Protein backbone atom coordinates (compact mmCIF):
# COMPACT_ATOMS: atom_id res chain seq x y z
CA MET A 1 23.52 152.61 62.98
CA GLN A 2 25.05 149.96 60.77
CA GLN A 3 24.55 149.94 57.02
CA PRO A 4 22.73 146.90 55.70
CA PHE A 5 25.44 146.20 53.13
CA ALA A 6 29.17 145.84 53.74
CA THR A 7 30.11 147.65 50.51
CA PRO A 8 31.44 151.19 50.85
CA SER A 9 29.38 154.05 49.55
CA VAL A 10 30.16 155.52 46.14
CA GLY A 11 31.24 158.77 47.79
CA ALA A 12 33.76 157.07 50.06
CA THR A 13 35.21 155.11 47.15
CA ALA A 14 35.48 158.27 45.06
CA LEU A 15 37.26 160.10 47.89
CA ARG A 16 39.79 157.28 48.30
CA GLY A 17 40.54 157.45 44.58
CA THR A 18 40.88 161.21 44.74
CA GLY A 19 43.32 160.94 47.66
CA ALA A 20 45.57 158.62 45.68
CA ALA A 21 45.42 160.98 42.69
CA VAL A 22 46.32 163.96 44.88
CA ARG A 23 49.31 162.13 46.36
CA THR A 24 50.51 161.16 42.88
CA ALA A 25 50.06 164.74 41.63
CA GLN A 26 52.08 165.94 44.63
CA ILE A 27 54.94 163.56 43.71
CA ILE A 28 54.88 164.91 40.15
CA GLY A 29 55.06 168.48 41.43
CA LEU A 30 57.95 167.67 43.75
CA GLU A 31 59.86 165.98 40.93
CA TRP A 32 59.43 169.07 38.71
CA LEU A 33 60.51 171.41 41.51
CA ASP A 34 63.58 169.33 42.29
CA LEU A 35 64.53 169.20 38.61
CA GLY A 36 64.16 172.98 38.38
CA LYS A 37 66.24 173.58 41.51
CA GLN A 38 69.05 171.29 40.35
CA SER A 39 69.06 172.91 36.91
CA TYR A 40 69.08 176.41 38.39
CA ASP A 41 71.95 175.59 40.76
CA ASP A 42 73.94 174.10 37.89
CA LEU A 43 73.22 177.14 35.72
CA VAL A 44 74.37 179.58 38.43
CA ALA A 45 77.59 177.62 39.00
CA THR A 46 78.26 177.51 35.26
CA ALA A 47 77.62 181.24 34.93
CA GLY A 48 80.32 181.85 37.52
CA ARG A 49 82.77 179.68 35.60
CA LEU A 50 81.82 181.40 32.33
CA ALA A 51 82.68 184.77 33.85
CA ALA A 52 86.19 183.47 34.56
CA CYS A 53 86.78 182.12 31.02
CA ARG A 54 89.84 183.42 29.19
CA ASN A 55 88.83 182.59 25.62
CA PRO A 56 85.69 181.75 23.58
CA GLY A 57 86.67 178.10 23.17
CA GLU A 58 86.67 177.56 26.90
CA ALA A 59 83.29 179.27 27.19
CA LEU A 60 81.85 177.11 24.42
CA THR A 61 83.12 173.96 26.14
CA LEU A 62 81.49 175.01 29.43
CA GLN A 63 78.19 175.72 27.69
CA GLY A 64 78.28 172.37 25.88
CA ASP A 65 78.93 170.58 29.17
CA LEU A 66 76.02 172.43 30.75
CA VAL A 67 73.66 171.39 27.96
CA GLN A 68 74.79 167.77 28.29
CA ARG A 69 74.22 167.74 32.05
CA MET A 70 70.81 169.39 31.77
CA THR A 71 69.70 167.05 28.99
CA GLY A 72 70.85 163.99 30.92
CA ARG A 73 69.07 165.20 34.04
CA ALA A 74 65.84 165.87 32.12
CA LEU A 75 65.94 162.47 30.43
CA ALA A 76 66.51 160.69 33.74
CA ARG A 77 63.59 162.51 35.32
CA SER A 78 61.33 161.92 32.32
CA VAL A 79 61.25 158.20 33.16
CA VAL A 80 60.09 158.89 36.71
CA LEU A 81 57.61 161.54 35.60
CA SER A 82 56.20 159.28 32.88
CA ASP A 83 55.52 156.55 35.43
CA GLN A 84 53.89 159.01 37.81
CA VAL A 85 51.69 160.58 35.13
CA THR A 86 50.57 157.10 34.05
CA ALA A 87 49.70 156.31 37.67
CA LEU A 88 47.83 159.62 38.00
CA PHE A 89 45.67 158.91 34.98
CA GLY A 90 45.07 155.41 36.32
CA HIS A 91 43.75 156.92 39.55
CA LEU A 92 41.62 159.50 37.77
CA LEU A 93 40.10 157.13 35.21
CA ARG A 94 39.37 154.28 37.63
CA PRO A 95 35.62 153.69 38.04
CA ALA A 96 34.23 155.06 41.28
CA GLY A 97 32.90 151.66 42.31
CA PRO A 98 29.64 149.79 42.17
CA ARG A 99 26.54 151.90 42.22
CA ARG A 100 23.88 150.98 44.77
CA LEU A 101 20.25 151.57 44.18
CA PRO A 102 18.30 153.21 46.99
């Protein structure tokens, strides 16, 4: 049976909005996981180099380089994450659509 109006139901509109929000939340989660994996890999590699250091100055230089790399990586990702979080809130706060009276 065909509906008398061509407008989608409120439930269908709400589900479409929820699907977009879920996809955006998934992108945010993947970005965080990738950032964590890259940081962990960098930390493990630096720990190996720290174990081979001959003096405290060399160790301090390695640690400073690690902090610089991790800070740069976090700042670069913060731009992407900020855009995605803004999009997520846009999806969640969008009105569900026109309400139809029975």
